[in-house]
Every structure is written in structure tokens, then in C-alpha cells.
Amino acid sequence: MWEPGEVVQDTRTGRVGRVMGHVGPRHQLRPLNGGREWEADPEEMVPARQSDALTDRVAEANRLSREYKPRAW
């Protein structure tokens, strides 16, 4: 059983997320930088490697930088 707060990779989707809890046999995962939760089978979850978690954070930083609009003076 995975505990809330653990960072895992959903091997079915390849996504990395933080365990938020579980309802019945399925666990709810949320992306590390927030967003919509998804459900995962605990048997398809493995501990996330540090590099996986870092890749996810870098992808989010890149997304935010593309959305950045400089302030007009």
C-alpha cells in the first residue's frame, strides 16, 4: 500500500505524481506541480526516480516560461 505524499511513477501512463490517497483498490495521484488527479492501480506504480521527478518539474517550468507575457510599460 502506498502512503499519501509518496512520489511514484504510474507505469501504465509513464506519468509521475504524488499519492494523495486511495478509494478502494485505486490510488489517486496528482502531478508534482499540481493539476488534475488521476487514478492508478497500485500494482502499476513504482517509486519515482529523482530524475523522473526532476524531468516533470523541468517540463512544468518550460510550460510556464512559454506562457510568460512580459509586462507592457
N, C-alpha and C. Protein backbone atom coordinates (compact mmCIF):
# COMPACT_ATOMS: atom_id res chain seq x y z
N MET A 1 0.85 -1.18 0.00
CA MET A 1 0.00 0.00 0.00
C MET A 1 0.89 1.24 0.00
N TRP A 2 0.58 2.17 -0.86
CA TRP A 2 1.33 3.43 -0.96
C TRP A 2 0.74 4.43 0.02
N GLU A 3 1.60 5.27 0.59
CA GLU A 3 1.17 6.26 1.57
C GLU A 3 1.04 7.64 0.92
N PRO A 4 0.08 8.45 1.39
CA PRO A 4 -0.04 9.82 0.88
C PRO A 4 1.29 10.57 1.01
N GLY A 5 1.63 11.29 -0.03
CA GLY A 5 2.87 12.07 -0.05
C GLY A 5 4.01 11.39 -0.80
N GLU A 6 3.93 10.08 -1.00
CA GLU A 6 4.99 9.39 -1.73
C GLU A 6 4.95 9.78 -3.20
N VAL A 7 6.12 9.90 -3.81
CA VAL A 7 6.23 10.25 -5.22
C VAL A 7 6.45 8.95 -6.00
N VAL A 8 5.56 8.70 -6.95
CA VAL A 8 5.58 7.44 -7.69
C VAL A 8 5.44 7.68 -9.18
N GLN A 9 5.75 6.64 -9.94
CA GLN A 9 5.51 6.67 -11.38
C GLN A 9 4.43 5.65 -11.69
N ASP A 10 3.44 6.08 -12.46
CA ASP A 10 2.38 5.20 -12.94
C ASP A 10 2.95 4.54 -14.20
N THR A 11 3.26 3.26 -14.12
CA THR A 11 3.91 2.59 -15.25
C THR A 11 2.97 2.41 -16.43
N ARG A 12 1.67 2.48 -16.21
CA ARG A 12 0.72 2.36 -17.32
C ARG A 12 0.79 3.59 -18.21
N THR A 13 0.90 4.78 -17.58
CA THR A 13 0.89 6.03 -18.35
C THR A 13 2.28 6.66 -18.47
N GLY A 14 3.21 6.28 -17.58
CA GLY A 14 4.52 6.90 -17.56
C GLY A 14 4.55 8.20 -16.78
N ARG A 15 3.41 8.62 -16.24
CA ARG A 15 3.34 9.89 -15.51
C ARG A 15 3.88 9.74 -14.09
N VAL A 16 4.44 10.84 -13.57
CA VAL A 16 4.96 10.89 -12.21
C VAL A 16 4.00 11.73 -11.39
N GLY A 17 3.68 11.27 -10.20
CA GLY A 17 2.77 12.02 -9.35
C GLY A 17 2.96 11.72 -7.88
N ARG A 18 2.29 12.52 -7.07
CA ARG A 18 2.31 12.34 -5.62
C ARG A 18 1.03 11.62 -5.22
N VAL A 19 1.17 10.60 -4.38
CA VAL A 19 0.00 9.87 -3.89
C VAL A 19 -0.80 10.79 -2.97
N MET A 20 -2.09 10.95 -3.30
CA MET A 20 -2.96 11.80 -2.49
C MET A 20 -3.82 10.97 -1.54
N GLY A 21 -4.08 9.74 -1.91
CA GLY A 21 -4.91 8.87 -1.08
C GLY A 21 -5.40 7.73 -1.93
N HIS A 22 -6.38 7.01 -1.41
CA HIS A 22 -6.95 5.91 -2.19
C HIS A 22 -8.41 5.73 -1.81
N VAL A 23 -9.16 5.24 -2.77
CA VAL A 23 -10.55 4.86 -2.56
C VAL A 23 -10.65 3.44 -3.08
N GLY A 24 -10.96 2.52 -2.19
CA GLY A 24 -10.97 1.12 -2.59
C GLY A 24 -9.58 0.71 -3.03
N PRO A 25 -9.49 -0.05 -4.11
CA PRO A 25 -8.18 -0.55 -4.53
C PRO A 25 -7.36 0.45 -5.35
N ARG A 26 -7.95 1.55 -5.79
CA ARG A 26 -7.26 2.50 -6.68
C ARG A 26 -6.71 3.68 -5.88
N HIS A 27 -5.56 4.19 -6.33
CA HIS A 27 -4.92 5.34 -5.68
C HIS A 27 -5.12 6.58 -6.54
N GLN A 28 -5.24 7.73 -5.88
CA GLN A 28 -5.32 9.00 -6.58
C GLN A 28 -3.93 9.63 -6.57
N LEU A 29 -3.49 10.01 -7.77
CA LEU A 29 -2.18 10.65 -7.94
C LEU A 29 -2.40 12.04 -8.49
N ARG A 30 -1.55 12.97 -8.08
CA ARG A 30 -1.60 14.34 -8.59
C ARG A 30 -0.22 14.70 -9.13
N PRO A 31 -0.16 15.38 -10.28
CA PRO A 31 1.14 15.82 -10.80
C PRO A 31 1.90 16.61 -9.73
N LEU A 32 3.21 16.53 -9.74
CA LEU A 32 4.02 17.18 -8.70
C LEU A 32 3.79 18.68 -8.63
N ASN A 33 3.49 19.30 -9.74
CA ASN A 33 3.28 20.74 -9.76
C ASN A 33 1.81 21.11 -9.77
N GLY A 34 0.98 20.22 -9.28
CA GLY A 34 -0.45 20.48 -9.23
C GLY A 34 -1.13 20.06 -10.52
N GLY A 35 -2.42 20.15 -10.52
CA GLY A 35 -3.19 19.76 -11.69
C GLY A 35 -4.21 18.71 -11.33
N ARG A 36 -4.81 18.15 -12.35
CA ARG A 36 -5.87 17.16 -12.15
C ARG A 36 -5.31 15.83 -11.67
N GLU A 37 -5.99 15.29 -10.69
CA GLU A 37 -5.62 13.96 -10.21
C GLU A 37 -6.06 12.91 -11.21
N TRP A 38 -5.40 11.77 -11.16
CA TRP A 38 -5.83 10.61 -11.93
C TRP A 38 -5.73 9.40 -11.03
N GLU A 39 -6.41 8.35 -11.42
CA GLU A 39 -6.39 7.12 -10.64
C GLU A 39 -5.40 6.13 -11.23
N ALA A 40 -4.78 5.38 -10.34
CA ALA A 40 -3.81 4.37 -10.78
C ALA A 40 -3.97 3.11 -9.95
N ASP A 41 -3.68 2.01 -10.58
CA ASP A 41 -3.68 0.71 -9.91
C ASP A 41 -2.37 0.62 -9.12
N PRO A 42 -2.41 0.33 -7.83
CA PRO A 42 -1.17 0.29 -7.05
C PRO A 42 -0.15 -0.73 -7.57
N GLU A 43 -0.63 -1.74 -8.29
CA GLU A 43 0.31 -2.73 -8.83
C GLU A 43 1.02 -2.20 -10.08
N GLU A 44 0.56 -1.07 -10.61
CA GLU A 44 1.20 -0.44 -11.77
C GLU A 44 1.98 0.80 -11.36
N MET A 45 2.29 0.92 -10.06
CA MET A 45 3.02 2.07 -9.54
C MET A 45 4.37 1.61 -9.01
N VAL A 46 5.40 2.41 -9.27
CA VAL A 46 6.74 2.14 -8.75
C VAL A 46 7.27 3.45 -8.16
N PRO A 47 8.22 3.37 -7.22
CA PRO A 47 8.80 4.61 -6.70
C PRO A 47 9.43 5.41 -7.84
N ALA A 48 9.19 6.70 -7.85
CA ALA A 48 9.77 7.55 -8.90
C ALA A 48 11.25 7.77 -8.61
N ARG A 49 12.04 7.72 -9.66
CA ARG A 49 13.45 8.06 -9.53
C ARG A 49 13.56 9.57 -9.42
N GLN A 50 14.62 10.06 -8.82
CA GLN A 50 14.82 11.51 -8.71
C GLN A 50 14.83 12.14 -10.09
N SER A 51 15.42 11.47 -11.06
CA SER A 51 15.49 12.03 -12.41
C SER A 51 14.09 12.15 -13.03
N ASP A 52 13.20 11.20 -12.72
CA ASP A 52 11.82 11.29 -13.22
C ASP A 52 11.12 12.50 -12.64
N ALA A 53 11.27 12.69 -11.34
CA ALA A 53 10.63 13.82 -10.67
C ALA A 53 11.20 15.14 -11.20
N LEU A 54 12.52 15.20 -11.42
CA LEU A 54 13.14 16.41 -11.93
C LEU A 54 12.66 16.71 -13.35
N THR A 55 12.57 15.69 -14.19
CA THR A 55 12.08 15.87 -15.55
C THR A 55 10.69 16.48 -15.55
N ASP A 56 9.83 16.02 -14.65
CA ASP A 56 8.48 16.54 -14.54
C ASP A 56 8.49 18.02 -14.15
N ARG A 57 9.35 18.37 -13.20
CA ARG A 57 9.44 19.77 -12.76
C ARG A 57 10.00 20.67 -13.86
N VAL A 58 10.98 20.19 -14.61
CA VAL A 58 11.55 20.97 -15.71
C VAL A 58 10.51 21.19 -16.79
N ALA A 59 9.73 20.17 -17.10
CA ALA A 59 8.67 20.30 -18.11
C ALA A 59 7.67 21.37 -17.68
N GLU A 60 7.32 21.40 -16.41
CA GLU A 60 6.39 22.41 -15.91
C GLU A 60 7.01 23.80 -15.99
N ALA A 61 8.28 23.94 -15.63
CA ALA A 61 8.95 25.24 -15.72
C ALA A 61 9.00 25.73 -17.17
N ASN A 62 9.26 24.83 -18.10
CA ASN A 62 9.27 25.20 -19.52
C ASN A 62 7.90 25.66 -19.98
N ARG A 63 6.86 24.95 -19.54
CA ARG A 63 5.50 25.34 -19.92
C ARG A 63 5.18 26.74 -19.40
N LEU A 64 5.55 27.01 -18.16
CA LEU A 64 5.28 28.33 -17.58
C LEU A 64 6.06 29.42 -18.30
N SER A 65 7.30 29.13 -18.71
CA SER A 65 8.10 30.15 -19.40
C SER A 65 7.51 30.46 -20.78
N ARG A 66 6.92 29.47 -21.43
CA ARG A 66 6.29 29.72 -22.73
C ARG A 66 5.04 30.58 -22.58
N GLU A 67 4.36 30.48 -21.44
CA GLU A 67 3.14 31.25 -21.21
C GLU A 67 3.43 32.65 -20.69
N TYR A 68 4.66 32.91 -20.27
CA TYR A 68 5.01 34.20 -19.68
C TYR A 68 4.84 35.32 -20.69
N LYS A 69 4.16 36.35 -20.27
CA LYS A 69 3.99 37.52 -21.12
C LYS A 69 4.59 38.72 -20.39
N PRO A 70 5.62 39.34 -20.98
CA PRO A 70 6.25 40.48 -20.31
C PRO A 70 5.25 41.60 -20.08
N ARG A 71 5.48 42.31 -19.03
CA ARG A 71 4.61 43.43 -18.68
C ARG A 71 4.88 44.60 -19.62
N ALA A 72 3.81 45.16 -20.18
CA ALA A 72 3.95 46.32 -21.06
C ALA A 72 4.02 47.58 -20.21
N TRP A 73 4.97 48.43 -20.49
CA TRP A 73 5.12 49.66 -19.72
C TRP A 73 4.46 50.75 -20.43
